[in-house]
Amino acid sequence: MPIEKGWVNLLQQTLNEQNKPYTLINKSISGDTTAGGLARIDQALEQHTPEIVLLELGANDGLRGMPPTLIKKNLRELVKRIKANGAQTLLLSMRIPSNYGQRYTEMFYSNYPELAEEMDVPFVPFILEDVALEPDMMQADQLHPNEKAQPIIAQKIWNHLEPILQTN
C-alpha cells in the first residue's frame, strides 16, 4: 500500500484541513514489538520532541505469545518515558486472534484500558474495530488492514485525538 494511502498520512491531511499546527512523524516498524519500541523511544523523543505520541504497539507481542504482563510492563514504561519528556500519550489499543485461548486474549486486550486508567492517558478502543471483521478491508493475512480500511481507521483515531488537541 502506498504510504500516502495509510492512516497516518490521512490523519495528517485531517490535521491540515482543520488548521491544526501538528506534523505526524511515523516511527513505526513493521513487525515491531513493545521491546523494540522501548529500545527506540528515547532517541525518537529526543530527536522529535513531540507534544503528543500515538502509541500503537503490542499486537506483535501478542501474536508471538509474549506474556500479557510483560506487554503491559513494556507499554507502561513507554508511557512513563513519553510523559517524562513532556508529551501526552494517546494509547491505540489492539486485539489479536484467539490462537492462545480466551484467557490469554482477554488478558491481552485488558492491558490497554487498565493501563490507560492507571497512567491517566486516553486510549482508542480497538482501532480496527470497524474493519477487522470485514474481509474486503483486510489484507490476505486477515491481520492487517488494506487501503480501503485506512480512512475508517484515520477517522476513529481523529475522533479521539481532536479533544486532546483542543486542550493543547
C-alpha atoms as a PDB file:
ATOM      1  CA  MET A   1       0.000   0.000   0.000  1.00  0.00           C
ATOM      2  CA  PRO A   2       1.408   3.421  -0.893  1.00  0.00           C
ATOM      3  CA  ILE A   3       2.391   5.419   2.195  1.00  0.00           C
ATOM      4  CA  GLU A   4       0.139   8.305   1.183  1.00  0.00           C
ATOM      5  CA  LYS A   5      -2.882   5.985   1.449  1.00  0.00           C
ATOM      6  CA  GLY A   6      -2.115   4.925   5.040  1.00  0.00           C
ATOM      7  CA  TRP A   7      -4.000   6.213   8.068  1.00  0.00           C
ATOM      8  CA  VAL A   8      -1.049   8.283   9.295  1.00  0.00           C
ATOM      9  CA  ASN A   9      -0.984  10.314   6.097  1.00  0.00           C
ATOM     10  CA  LEU A  10      -4.783  10.572   6.045  1.00  0.00           C
ATOM     11  CA  LEU A  11      -4.751  11.785   9.643  1.00  0.00           C
ATOM     12  CA  GLN A  12      -2.133  14.381   8.696  1.00  0.00           C
ATOM     13  CA  GLN A  13      -4.450  15.572   5.930  1.00  0.00           C
ATOM     14  CA  THR A  14      -7.219  15.984   8.503  1.00  0.00           C
ATOM     15  CA  LEU A  15      -4.907  17.969  10.767  1.00  0.00           C
ATOM     16  CA  ASN A  16      -4.015  20.215   7.836  1.00  0.00           C
ATOM     17  CA  GLU A  17      -7.658  20.673   6.825  1.00  0.00           C
ATOM     18  CA  GLN A  18      -8.545  21.584  10.422  1.00  0.00           C
ATOM     19  CA  ASN A  19      -5.657  24.080  10.549  1.00  0.00           C
ATOM     20  CA  LYS A  20      -4.010  22.188  13.389  1.00  0.00           C
ATOM     21  CA  PRO A  21      -0.282  23.022  13.508  1.00  0.00           C
ATOM     22  CA  TYR A  22       0.946  19.478  14.057  1.00  0.00           C
ATOM     23  CA  THR A  23       3.147  17.238  11.957  1.00  0.00           C
ATOM     24  CA  LEU A  24       2.812  13.483  12.303  1.00  0.00           C
ATOM     25  CA  ILE A  25       6.044  11.528  12.273  1.00  0.00           C
ATOM     26  CA  ASN A  26       5.579   7.820  11.695  1.00  0.00           C
ATOM     27  CA  LYS A  27       8.223   5.889  13.621  1.00  0.00           C
ATOM     28  CA  SER A  28       6.515   2.517  13.218  1.00  0.00           C
ATOM     29  CA  ILE A  29       8.384  -0.532  12.011  1.00  0.00           C
ATOM     30  CA  SER A  30       6.503  -3.484  10.563  1.00  0.00           C
ATOM     31  CA  GLY A  31       6.575  -6.416  12.968  1.00  0.00           C
ATOM     32  CA  ASP A  32       7.781  -4.295  15.873  1.00  0.00           C
ATOM     33  CA  THR A  33       7.199  -5.264  19.490  1.00  0.00           C
ATOM     34  CA  THR A  34       6.953  -3.324  22.727  1.00  0.00           C
ATOM     35  CA  ALA A  35      10.577  -4.297  23.447  1.00  0.00           C
ATOM     36  CA  GLY A  36      11.588  -2.815  20.104  1.00  0.00           C
ATOM     37  CA  GLY A  37       9.638   0.325  20.923  1.00  0.00           C
ATOM     38  CA  LEU A  38      11.433   0.596  24.259  1.00  0.00           C
ATOM     39  CA  ALA A  39      14.780   0.263  22.501  1.00  0.00           C
ATOM     40  CA  ARG A  40      13.957   3.185  20.185  1.00  0.00           C
ATOM     41  CA  ILE A  41      11.696   5.504  22.191  1.00  0.00           C
ATOM     42  CA  ASP A  42      14.338   7.640  23.909  1.00  0.00           C
ATOM     43  CA  GLN A  43      16.102   8.503  20.666  1.00  0.00           C
ATOM     44  CA  ALA A  44      12.796   9.264  18.933  1.00  0.00           C
ATOM     45  CA  LEU A  45      11.655  11.526  21.772  1.00  0.00           C
ATOM     46  CA  GLU A  46      14.978  13.351  21.803  1.00  0.00           C
ATOM     47  CA  GLN A  47      15.066  13.727  18.029  1.00  0.00           C
ATOM     48  CA  HIS A  48      11.488  14.937  17.562  1.00  0.00           C
ATOM     49  CA  THR A  49      10.396  16.403  20.945  1.00  0.00           C
ATOM     50  CA  PRO A  50       6.724  15.584  20.308  1.00  0.00           C
ATOM     51  CA  GLU A  51       3.787  17.132  22.115  1.00  0.00           C
ATOM     52  CA  ILE A  52       1.638  14.034  21.605  1.00  0.00           C
ATOM     53  CA  VAL A  53       2.618  10.431  20.908  1.00  0.00           C
ATOM     54  CA  LEU A  54       0.190   7.976  19.339  1.00  0.00           C
ATOM     55  CA  LEU A  55       1.349   4.689  20.831  1.00  0.00           C
ATOM     56  CA  GLU A  56       0.304   1.635  18.820  1.00  0.00           C
ATOM     57  CA  LEU A  57       2.288  -1.366  19.991  1.00  0.00           C
ATOM     58  CA  GLY A  58       1.619  -4.772  21.471  1.00  0.00           C
ATOM     59  CA  ALA A  59      -0.125  -6.735  18.732  1.00  0.00           C
ATOM     60  CA  ASN A  60       3.067  -8.396  17.513  1.00  0.00           C
ATOM     61  CA  ASP A  61       3.961  -9.291  21.097  1.00  0.00           C
ATOM     62  CA  GLY A  62       0.544 -10.931  21.444  1.00  0.00           C
ATOM     63  CA  LEU A  63       0.868 -12.784  18.161  1.00  0.00           C
ATOM     64  CA  ARG A  64       4.165 -14.205  19.450  1.00  0.00           C
ATOM     65  CA  GLY A  65       2.573 -15.322  22.712  1.00  0.00           C
ATOM     66  CA  MET A  66       4.528 -12.946  24.927  1.00  0.00           C
ATOM     67  CA  PRO A  67       3.146 -12.818  28.472  1.00  0.00           C
ATOM     68  CA  PRO A  68       0.443 -10.135  28.719  1.00  0.00           C
ATOM     69  CA  THR A  69       2.048  -8.927  31.954  1.00  0.00           C
ATOM     70  CA  LEU A  70       5.304  -8.266  30.080  1.00  0.00           C
ATOM     71  CA  ILE A  71       3.456  -6.460  27.295  1.00  0.00           C
ATOM     72  CA  LYS A  72       1.728  -4.264  29.877  1.00  0.00           C
ATOM     73  CA  LYS A  73       5.015  -3.627  31.697  1.00  0.00           C
ATOM     74  CA  ASN A  74       6.662  -2.513  28.446  1.00  0.00           C
ATOM     75  CA  LEU A  75       3.710  -0.311  27.476  1.00  0.00           C
ATOM     76  CA  ARG A  76       3.760   1.236  30.963  1.00  0.00           C
ATOM     77  CA  GLU A  77       7.456   2.032  30.606  1.00  0.00           C
ATOM     78  CA  LEU A  78       6.859   3.566  27.173  1.00  0.00           C
ATOM     79  CA  VAL A  79       4.129   5.820  28.581  1.00  0.00           C
ATOM     80  CA  LYS A  80       6.385   6.796  31.512  1.00  0.00           C
ATOM     81  CA  ARG A  81       9.183   7.799  29.149  1.00  0.00           C
ATOM     82  CA  ILE A  82       6.796   9.748  26.943  1.00  0.00           C
ATOM     83  CA  LYS A  83       5.414  11.607  29.974  1.00  0.00           C
ATOM     84  CA  ALA A  84       8.928  12.242  31.305  1.00  0.00           C
ATOM     85  CA  ASN A  85       9.661  14.028  28.030  1.00  0.00           C
ATOM     86  CA  GLY A  86       6.641  16.277  28.492  1.00  0.00           C
ATOM     87  CA  ALA A  87       4.476  14.691  25.817  1.00  0.00           C
ATOM     88  CA  GLN A  88       0.974  13.321  26.058  1.00  0.00           C
ATOM     89  CA  THR A  89       0.158   9.758  25.038  1.00  0.00           C
ATOM     90  CA  LEU A  90      -2.824   8.532  23.063  1.00  0.00           C
ATOM     91  CA  LEU A  91      -2.797   4.770  23.522  1.00  0.00           C
ATOM     92  CA  LEU A  92      -4.116   2.892  20.489  1.00  0.00           C
ATOM     93  CA  SER A  93      -5.403  -0.466  21.634  1.00  0.00           C
ATOM     94  CA  MET A  94      -5.123  -3.633  19.651  1.00  0.00           C
ATOM     95  CA  ARG A  95      -6.706  -7.063  19.634  1.00  0.00           C
ATOM     96  CA  ILE A  96      -5.322 -10.368  18.471  1.00  0.00           C
ATOM     97  CA  PRO A  97      -6.865 -13.600  17.189  1.00  0.00           C
ATOM     98  CA  SER A  98      -7.732 -16.070  19.929  1.00  0.00           C
ATOM     99  CA  ASN A  99      -4.980 -18.537  18.928  1.00  0.00           C
ATOM    100  CA  TYR A 100      -3.734 -18.720  22.526  1.00  0.00           C
ATOM    101  CA  GLY A 101      -7.178 -19.161  24.037  1.00  0.00           C
ATOM    102  CA  GLN A 102      -9.805 -16.910  25.537  1.00  0.00           C
ATOM    103  CA  ARG A 103      -7.952 -16.263  28.806  1.00  0.00           C
ATOM    104  CA  TYR A 104      -4.810 -15.045  27.037  1.00  0.00           C
ATOM    105  CA  THR A 105      -6.823 -12.954  24.586  1.00  0.00           C
ATOM    106  CA  GLU A 106      -8.802 -11.271  27.368  1.00  0.00           C
ATOM    107  CA  MET A 107      -5.661 -10.604  29.401  1.00  0.00           C
ATOM    108  CA  PHE A 108      -4.006  -9.129  26.326  1.00  0.00           C
ATOM    109  CA  TYR A 109      -6.854  -6.788  25.485  1.00  0.00           C
ATOM    110  CA  SER A 110      -7.487  -5.689  29.081  1.00  0.00           C
ATOM    111  CA  ASN A 111      -3.939  -4.314  29.197  1.00  0.00           C
ATOM    112  CA  TYR A 112      -4.997  -1.245  27.233  1.00  0.00           C
ATOM    113  CA  PRO A 113      -7.949   0.118  29.241  1.00  0.00           C
ATOM    114  CA  GLU A 114      -6.257  -0.874  32.513  1.00  0.00           C
ATOM    115  CA  LEU A 115      -3.047   0.894  31.568  1.00  0.00           C
ATOM    116  CA  ALA A 116      -4.923   3.937  30.278  1.00  0.00           C
ATOM    117  CA  GLU A 117      -6.662   4.270  33.633  1.00  0.00           C
ATOM    118  CA  GLU A 118      -3.530   3.550  35.671  1.00  0.00           C
ATOM    119  CA  MET A 119      -1.383   6.041  33.741  1.00  0.00           C
ATOM    120  CA  ASP A 120      -4.206   8.553  33.199  1.00  0.00           C
ATOM    121  CA  VAL A 121      -3.877   8.585  29.423  1.00  0.00           C
ATOM    122  CA  PRO A 122      -6.641   8.492  26.831  1.00  0.00           C
ATOM    123  CA  PHE A 123      -6.943   5.421  24.685  1.00  0.00           C
ATOM    124  CA  VAL A 124      -8.658   4.426  21.486  1.00  0.00           C
ATOM    125  CA  PRO A 125     -10.543   1.137  21.804  1.00  0.00           C
ATOM    126  CA  PHE A 126      -9.507  -1.402  19.174  1.00  0.00           C
ATOM    127  CA  ILE A 127      -8.536   0.747  16.208  1.00  0.00           C
ATOM    128  CA  LEU A 128      -9.578  -1.945  13.728  1.00  0.00           C
ATOM    129  CA  GLU A 129     -12.993  -2.425  15.321  1.00  0.00           C
ATOM    130  CA  ASP A 130     -14.939  -1.301  12.269  1.00  0.00           C
ATOM    131  CA  VAL A 131     -12.776  -3.119   9.734  1.00  0.00           C
ATOM    132  CA  ALA A 132     -11.302  -6.307  11.235  1.00  0.00           C
ATOM    133  CA  LEU A 133     -14.359  -8.436  10.522  1.00  0.00           C
ATOM    134  CA  GLU A 134     -14.804  -7.057   7.002  1.00  0.00           C
ATOM    135  CA  PRO A 135     -12.783  -9.330   4.677  1.00  0.00           C
ATOM    136  CA  ASP A 136     -12.743  -6.716   1.916  1.00  0.00           C
ATOM    137  CA  MET A 137     -10.988  -4.275   4.278  1.00  0.00           C
ATOM    138  CA  MET A 138      -8.244  -6.646   5.353  1.00  0.00           C
ATOM    139  CA  GLN A 139      -5.152  -7.944   3.616  1.00  0.00           C
ATOM    140  CA  ALA A 140      -4.958 -11.635   2.755  1.00  0.00           C
ATOM    141  CA  ASP A 141      -3.483 -12.422   6.191  1.00  0.00           C
ATOM    142  CA  GLN A 142      -6.689 -11.092   7.802  1.00  0.00           C
ATOM    143  CA  LEU A 143      -4.490  -9.323  10.384  1.00  0.00           C
ATOM    144  CA  HIS A 144      -3.547  -6.117   8.614  1.00  0.00           C
ATOM    145  CA  PRO A 145      -5.971  -3.574   7.177  1.00  0.00           C
ATOM    146  CA  ASN A 146      -5.820  -2.781   3.495  1.00  0.00           C
ATOM    147  CA  GLU A 147      -6.066   0.554   1.699  1.00  0.00           C
ATOM    148  CA  LYS A 148      -9.868   0.602   1.844  1.00  0.00           C
ATOM    149  CA  ALA A 149      -9.782   0.472   5.664  1.00  0.00           C
ATOM    150  CA  GLN A 150      -7.351   3.349   6.147  1.00  0.00           C
ATOM    151  CA  PRO A 151      -9.859   6.251   6.076  1.00  0.00           C
ATOM    152  CA  ILE A 152     -12.003   4.491   8.688  1.00  0.00           C
ATOM    153  CA  ILE A 153      -9.007   3.974  10.962  1.00  0.00           C
ATOM    154  CA  ALA A 154      -7.867   7.573  10.497  1.00  0.00           C
ATOM    155  CA  GLN A 155     -11.343   8.849  11.401  1.00  0.00           C
ATOM    156  CA  LYS A 156     -11.537   6.651  14.501  1.00  0.00           C
ATOM    157  CA  ILE A 157      -8.201   7.958  15.740  1.00  0.00           C
ATOM    158  CA  TRP A 158      -9.137  11.549  14.860  1.00  0.00           C
ATOM    159  CA  ASN A 159     -12.281  11.242  16.968  1.00  0.00           C
ATOM    160  CA  HIS A 160     -10.057  10.581  19.999  1.00  0.00           C
ATOM    161  CA  LEU A 161      -7.183  12.886  19.058  1.00  0.00           C
ATOM    162  CA  GLU A 162      -9.233  16.008  18.374  1.00  0.00           C
ATOM    163  CA  PRO A 163     -10.320  16.520  22.012  1.00  0.00           C
ATOM    164  CA  ILE A 164      -6.671  16.262  23.099  1.00  0.00           C
ATOM    165  CA  LEU A 165      -5.677  18.903  20.572  1.00  0.00           C
ATOM    166  CA  GLN A 166      -8.389  21.233  21.860  1.00  0.00           C
ATOM    167  CA  THR A 167      -6.794  21.177  25.315  1.00  0.00           C
ATOM    168  CA  ASN A 168      -3.258  21.797  23.995  1.00  0.00           C
END
